[in-house]
Protein backbone atom coordinates (compact mmCIF):
# COMPACT_ATOMS: atom_id res chain seq x y z
CA MET A 1 -36.18 25.71 112.98
CA ASP A 2 -36.01 24.95 109.33
CA PRO A 3 -38.14 21.84 108.43
CA VAL A 4 -36.14 18.74 107.78
CA THR A 5 -37.63 17.22 104.60
CA ARG A 6 -37.20 14.67 102.11
CA SER A 7 -38.45 17.08 99.57
CA GLN A 8 -36.05 16.08 96.85
CA ALA A 9 -36.08 12.28 97.44
CA SER A 10 -36.62 10.13 94.64
CA GLY A 11 -39.29 7.60 94.09
CA ALA A 12 -38.17 4.99 96.60
CA PRO A 13 -36.26 6.58 99.27
CA VAL A 14 -33.68 4.57 101.25
CA GLU A 15 -31.12 5.67 103.70
CA ALA A 16 -28.17 6.04 101.36
CA VAL A 17 -24.86 7.71 101.58
CA CYS A 18 -25.28 11.12 100.32
CA PRO A 19 -21.82 12.41 99.12
CA PRO A 20 -21.37 16.17 100.22
CA PRO A 21 -20.57 18.56 97.60
CA ASP A 22 -17.19 19.60 97.11
CA GLU A 23 -15.62 23.06 97.32
CA ALA A 24 -15.75 23.94 93.74
CA THR A 25 -19.51 22.94 93.77
CA LEU A 26 -20.15 25.38 96.74
CA ARG A 27 -18.32 28.11 94.99
CA TRP A 28 -20.28 27.68 91.96
CA VAL A 29 -23.54 27.90 94.21
CA GLU A 30 -22.12 31.21 95.62
CA GLN A 31 -21.43 32.72 92.14
CA CYS A 32 -24.90 31.77 91.09
CA LEU A 33 -26.24 33.94 93.85
CA GLY A 34 -24.26 36.88 93.23
CA PRO A 35 -20.80 38.54 94.25
CA GLY A 36 -20.25 38.33 97.99
CA SER A 37 -22.80 35.39 98.55
CA LYS A 38 -21.79 32.87 101.05
CA VAL A 39 -22.86 29.21 101.81
CA LYS A 40 -23.82 29.18 105.57
CA MET A 41 -25.39 25.66 105.89
CA VAL A 42 -25.21 22.39 104.05
CA ARG A 43 -27.48 19.47 105.29
CA PRO A 44 -27.97 16.21 103.52
CA LEU A 45 -31.67 15.44 102.64
CA THR A 46 -32.58 11.76 103.58
CA GLY A 47 -33.66 9.12 100.94
CA GLY A 48 -32.71 9.06 97.38
CA THR A 49 -31.03 6.56 95.06
CA ARG A 50 -30.82 8.65 92.14
CA HIS A 51 -29.73 11.83 93.25
CA ALA A 52 -27.55 13.36 96.04
CA ASN A 53 -29.87 16.15 97.57
CA HIS A 54 -28.52 18.71 100.12
CA ALA A 55 -30.42 21.47 101.54
CA LEU A 56 -28.59 24.88 101.40
CA LEU A 57 -28.64 28.16 103.32
CA VAL A 58 -26.91 30.80 101.08
CA GLU A 59 -26.65 34.32 102.35
CA SER A 60 -26.15 37.15 99.84
CA ARG A 61 -23.93 40.16 100.21
CA SER A 62 -26.84 42.04 101.58
CA GLY A 63 -27.55 39.51 104.17
CA HIS A 64 -30.59 38.12 102.48
CA PRO A 65 -30.93 34.35 103.23
CA HIS A 66 -31.79 32.02 100.38
CA ARG A 67 -33.25 28.75 101.03
CA LEU A 68 -32.21 26.09 98.43
CA VAL A 69 -31.71 22.46 97.47
CA LEU A 70 -28.80 21.40 95.46
CA ARG A 71 -29.65 18.23 93.41
CA ARG A 72 -26.55 16.27 92.05
CA TRP A 73 -26.61 13.32 89.55
CA THR A 74 -23.81 11.54 91.34
CA LEU A 75 -24.17 8.04 89.70
CA PRO A 76 -22.13 7.63 86.48
CA ASP A 77 -24.79 6.32 84.37
CA GLN A 78 -27.66 8.55 85.55
CA THR A 79 -27.41 11.01 82.69
CA ALA A 80 -27.11 8.49 79.94
CA GLY A 81 -30.25 9.10 77.58
CA GLN A 82 -33.25 11.00 78.53
CA GLU A 83 -34.33 9.23 81.69
CA PHE A 84 -33.65 11.15 84.90
CA SER A 85 -31.42 13.47 82.96
CA PRO A 86 -30.78 17.14 84.50
CA GLU A 87 -32.21 18.41 81.15
CA ARG A 88 -35.34 16.38 81.68
CA GLU A 89 -35.98 18.17 85.15
CA ILE A 90 -35.15 21.38 83.76
CA ALA A 91 -37.76 21.02 81.04
CA ALA A 92 -40.22 19.97 83.63
CA LEU A 93 -39.63 22.84 86.10
CA ALA A 94 -39.88 25.21 83.17
CA LEU A 95 -43.42 23.83 82.24
CA LEU A 96 -44.42 23.79 86.10
CA ALA A 97 -43.85 27.37 86.14
CA GLY A 98 -47.15 28.08 84.71
CA CYS A 99 -48.92 25.70 87.23
CA ARG A 100 -50.52 26.89 90.60
CA LEU A 101 -49.27 23.86 92.45
CA PRO A 102 -46.10 24.81 94.47
CA THR A 103 -43.08 23.27 92.93
CA PRO A 104 -39.59 23.92 93.15
CA GLU A 105 -38.14 26.82 90.99
CA LEU A 106 -34.95 26.72 88.96
CA VAL A 107 -32.26 28.90 90.31
CA ALA A 108 -29.35 27.68 88.25
CA ALA A 109 -28.13 24.58 86.39
CA ASP A 110 -25.00 22.79 85.36
CA PRO A 111 -26.35 19.84 83.52
CA ALA A 112 -22.82 18.71 82.22
CA GLY A 113 -21.08 19.08 85.44
CA ALA A 114 -18.51 21.62 83.92
CA TYR A 115 -18.47 23.57 87.10
CA CYS A 116 -19.64 21.00 89.92
CA ASP A 117 -18.42 17.65 90.92
CA ALA A 118 -21.44 16.19 89.01
CA PRO A 119 -24.18 17.38 86.78
CA ALA A 120 -26.16 19.67 89.16
CA LEU A 121 -29.40 21.67 89.64
CA LEU A 122 -29.98 24.46 92.20
CA VAL A 123 -33.65 24.79 93.06
CA THR A 124 -35.79 26.72 95.73
CA ARG A 125 -36.56 24.76 98.78
CA LEU A 126 -40.24 24.55 99.61
CA ILE A 127 -41.65 24.44 103.09
CA GLY A 128 -43.04 21.35 104.55
CA HIS A 129 -42.35 17.64 105.27
CA PRO A 130 -43.30 14.24 104.09
CA PRO A 131 -46.83 13.09 105.04
CA ASN A 132 -47.27 11.12 108.08
CA PRO A 133 -51.08 11.15 108.56
CA GLY A 134 -53.10 9.27 111.08
CA THR A 135 -55.97 7.01 109.83
CA GLU A 136 -58.40 9.48 110.74
CA GLU A 137 -56.62 12.16 108.57
CA LEU A 138 -55.91 10.12 105.63
CA SER A 139 -59.00 10.68 103.65
CA GLU A 140 -58.27 14.67 103.54
CA TYR A 141 -54.67 13.69 102.44
CA LEU A 142 -55.96 11.62 99.63
CA ILE A 143 -58.20 14.41 98.39
CA GLN A 144 -55.50 16.96 98.42
CA MET A 145 -53.12 14.66 96.57
CA SER A 146 -55.75 13.93 94.04
CA ALA A 147 -56.74 17.75 93.39
CA ALA A 148 -53.07 18.33 93.07
CA LEU A 149 -52.70 16.13 89.82
CA LEU A 150 -55.52 18.08 88.06
CA GLY A 151 -53.26 21.15 87.47
CA VAL A 152 -50.46 18.93 86.61
CA HIS A 153 -52.30 16.86 83.83
CA SER A 154 -53.60 20.03 82.37
CA LEU A 155 -50.42 21.71 81.65
CA SER A 156 -49.94 22.97 78.16
CA GLY A 157 -46.79 22.23 76.23
CA ALA A 158 -46.65 18.61 77.79
CA ALA A 159 -45.84 17.07 74.25
CA THR A 160 -42.44 18.60 74.59
CA MET A 161 -41.62 16.29 77.30
CA PRO A 162 -40.03 12.67 76.84
CA PRO A 163 -42.67 10.07 76.11
CA TYR A 164 -43.41 7.82 79.13
CA LEU A 165 -41.55 4.48 79.02
CA PRO A 166 -41.96 1.69 81.75
CA TYR A 167 -39.01 1.18 83.64
CA ASN A 168 -39.43 -2.71 83.56
CA ARG A 169 -38.96 -3.54 79.79
CA LEU A 170 -39.84 -7.23 80.44
CA ARG A 171 -36.63 -8.47 79.15
CA GLU A 172 -36.46 -10.68 82.32
CA ARG A 173 -39.74 -12.10 83.58
CA VAL A 174 -38.79 -13.43 87.06
CA PRO A 175 -40.82 -13.16 90.13
CA PRO A 176 -39.04 -11.56 93.19
CA ALA A 177 -37.08 -13.78 95.45
CA HIS A 178 -39.65 -13.74 98.30
CA ALA A 179 -42.70 -14.24 95.99
CA THR A 180 -45.38 -16.65 97.69
CA ARG A 181 -47.57 -16.65 94.55
CA PRO A 182 -45.38 -16.96 91.57
CA GLU A 183 -48.22 -17.44 89.29
CA LEU A 184 -49.71 -13.95 90.02
CA TRP A 185 -46.43 -12.39 88.76
CA GLU A 186 -46.26 -14.61 85.68
CA GLN A 187 -49.90 -13.66 84.75
CA ALA A 188 -48.85 -9.90 85.61
CA PHE A 189 -45.90 -10.32 83.18
CA GLU A 190 -48.09 -11.81 80.40
CA LEU A 191 -50.69 -9.00 80.47
CA ALA A 192 -48.28 -6.19 80.99
CA ALA A 193 -46.44 -7.56 77.67
CA ARG A 194 -49.44 -6.79 75.67
CA PRO A 195 -50.11 -3.40 73.96
CA ALA A 196 -50.93 -0.77 76.45
CA PRO A 197 -54.58 0.44 76.48
CA GLU A 198 -55.25 3.66 74.37
CA ALA A 199 -55.06 6.77 76.41
CA ARG A 200 -54.70 10.48 75.76
CA PRO A 201 -51.17 11.50 76.74
CA HIS A 202 -50.67 14.38 79.33
CA PHE A 203 -47.89 15.96 81.42
CA ILE A 204 -47.19 13.27 84.27
CA HIS A 205 -45.18 13.22 87.12
CA ARG A 206 -44.14 9.65 86.80
CA ASP A 207 -43.16 9.14 90.31
CA TYR A 208 -46.16 10.42 92.13
CA GLN A 209 -46.12 8.96 95.60
CA PRO A 210 -46.56 10.20 99.24
CA ASP A 211 -42.82 10.85 99.53
CA ASN A 212 -42.61 13.29 96.81
CA THR A 213 -45.14 15.62 98.52
CA LEU A 214 -44.74 18.01 101.16
CA TRP A 215 -46.93 19.17 103.88
CA SER A 216 -47.68 21.65 106.63
CA TYR A 217 -50.32 21.58 109.28
CA GLY A 218 -52.30 19.18 107.28
CA ARG A 219 -51.84 21.31 104.01
CA LEU A 220 -50.05 20.21 100.82
CA THR A 221 -47.41 22.73 100.35
CA GLY A 222 -45.58 21.27 97.29
CA VAL A 223 -44.74 18.26 94.97
CA VAL A 224 -41.20 17.70 94.23
CA ASP A 225 -38.72 15.51 92.35
CA TRP A 226 -39.55 15.77 88.65
CA SER A 227 -36.76 14.06 87.27
CA SER A 228 -39.03 11.45 85.83
CA ALA A 229 -41.72 13.77 84.47
CA SER A 230 -42.91 12.51 81.03
CA TYR A 231 -45.69 12.94 78.36
CA GLY A 232 -47.84 9.91 78.99
CA PRO A 233 -51.12 8.23 80.34
CA ILE A 234 -52.76 9.80 83.62
CA GLY A 235 -53.18 6.22 84.88
CA VAL A 236 -49.25 5.95 85.16
CA ASP A 237 -49.56 8.65 88.09
CA ILE A 238 -52.69 7.24 89.65
CA ALA A 239 -51.16 3.61 89.64
CA GLN A 240 -47.92 4.81 91.25
CA MET A 241 -49.79 6.48 94.09
CA ARG A 242 -51.90 3.40 94.48
CA CYS A 243 -49.02 1.22 94.67
CA SER A 244 -47.10 3.34 97.14
CA LEU A 245 -50.39 3.71 99.45
CA ALA A 246 -51.02 0.18 99.39
CA LEU A 247 -47.54 -0.55 100.74
CA ARG A 248 -47.81 2.04 103.49
CA TYR A 249 -51.35 1.92 104.51
CA GLY A 250 -52.94 -1.19 102.99
CA LEU A 251 -55.03 -1.77 99.99
CA SER A 252 -58.21 0.04 101.19
CA ALA A 253 -56.03 3.23 101.03
CA ALA A 254 -55.14 2.64 97.37
CA ASP A 255 -58.77 2.24 96.53
CA ALA A 256 -59.69 5.44 98.58
CA PHE A 257 -57.26 7.46 96.52
CA LEU A 258 -58.99 6.24 93.32
CA ASP A 259 -62.25 7.12 94.68
CA SER A 260 -60.88 10.46 95.72
CA PHE A 261 -59.34 11.13 92.15
CA ASP A 262 -62.49 10.03 90.49
CA ARG A 263 -64.68 12.68 92.54
CA VAL A 264 -62.16 15.70 92.05
CA SER A 265 -61.90 15.17 88.38
CA GLY A 266 -65.41 14.66 87.83
CA GLY A 267 -65.16 11.20 86.51
CA TYR A 268 -62.17 8.88 85.87
CA VAL A 269 -62.07 5.41 84.62
CA HIS A 270 -58.99 3.64 85.80
CA ASP A 271 -57.51 0.73 83.74
CA PRO A 272 -55.87 -1.76 86.06
CA TYR A 273 -53.36 -2.43 83.43
CA TRP A 274 -51.29 0.63 84.92
CA ASP A 275 -51.37 -1.00 88.45
CA LEU A 276 -49.61 -4.14 87.01
CA ARG A 277 -47.13 -1.98 85.35
CA SER A 278 -46.48 0.04 88.59
CA VAL A 279 -45.76 -3.17 90.71
CA LEU A 280 -43.49 -4.70 87.94
CA ASP A 281 -41.62 -1.65 87.72
CA LEU A 282 -40.40 -2.07 91.27
CA LEU A 283 -38.43 -5.03 89.94
CA ALA A 284 -36.48 -2.99 87.53
CA GLN A 285 -35.58 -0.23 90.47
CA PRO A 286 -32.09 0.02 92.08
CA ASP A 287 -33.85 0.14 95.52
CA GLU A 288 -35.31 -3.20 96.48
CA ARG A 289 -36.81 -2.20 99.77
CA HIS A 290 -40.43 -2.83 98.63
CA LEU A 291 -39.42 -6.44 97.38
CA GLY A 292 -38.44 -7.67 100.74
CA ARG A 293 -40.36 -10.62 102.44
CA ALA A 294 -42.56 -8.37 104.55
CA CYS A 295 -43.90 -6.24 101.53
CA ILE A 296 -44.53 -9.31 99.24
CA PRO A 297 -47.89 -10.29 100.65
CA LEU A 298 -49.16 -6.45 100.18
CA LEU A 299 -47.75 -6.47 96.40
CA GLU A 300 -49.31 -9.92 95.73
CA ALA A 301 -52.68 -8.83 97.05
CA HIS A 302 -52.66 -5.59 94.92
CA LEU A 303 -51.64 -7.80 91.90
CA ALA A 304 -54.33 -10.11 92.56
CA GLY A 305 -57.10 -7.37 92.73
CA SER A 306 -55.82 -5.74 89.34
CA LEU A 307 -55.75 -9.10 87.77
CA ALA A 308 -59.33 -9.79 89.01
CA ARG A 309 -60.49 -6.47 87.65
CA LEU A 310 -59.10 -7.26 84.40
CA GLY A 311 -61.29 -10.54 84.31
CA VAL A 312 -58.25 -12.96 85.36
CA ALA A 313 -59.13 -15.79 87.65
CA VAL A 314 -56.67 -15.70 90.41
């Protein structure tokens, strides 16, 4: 059985309606695979707020099966500017072709939606499933997720990617509705508004978190969803993973990931400024599942630890 994955899910997956591709879009897919090709299976992939993602099985005229993912930018404002645009992901996948890390390969693109019902990319589908390690397995998972970043951050040509920009531009500085310690959020807003620490820019995933990794039998088989890839500080990727791990497994997992990355990189000094930014970015996301009443205590504990590391009394 083909693995059911969230492989192309976006940064904060939710159970959302995934509109199916129309007939014209499926005909485009067939044409991209050559005369006589037929779409044999279309299955929605769970999660995602920025894309509609479907696993496809396409059979060529010779009978050869192609396992693909169709990614469509179905929200009307998604292709405005550089953020989350199909062109951004196309550029990222082109650079990643030179990386040993398994990543989707671009098969075809309709970035303007000229042939499809929305701007679309057709990419190869990687094997694997999102991680669900037990406590005893988590350490090995963290090591592998740390090591995967080394090849990403060392990619040449990174300066051709759009520069990193925080999602939360701090135009509104309002704590989430269920905040129990609003003073923490106010302190975080104040510090995040200061100039970012100087850091050498690299190619970064920008949305590096467990749900954007794939696994098979305890082995990392791929990293997906490169629509936010940027040219920016390594700390952005580290902080995003730390925030996601804190919400899923607790603060100790976030700290363990930092220790793992320090070991595999041969020495890394993390600035907690990026942890503040990763938490505050959640306030600017369309998906607010991480800002519910049950999640707020973990986020506030994560904020408190980051503020303390920055020398702020909490």
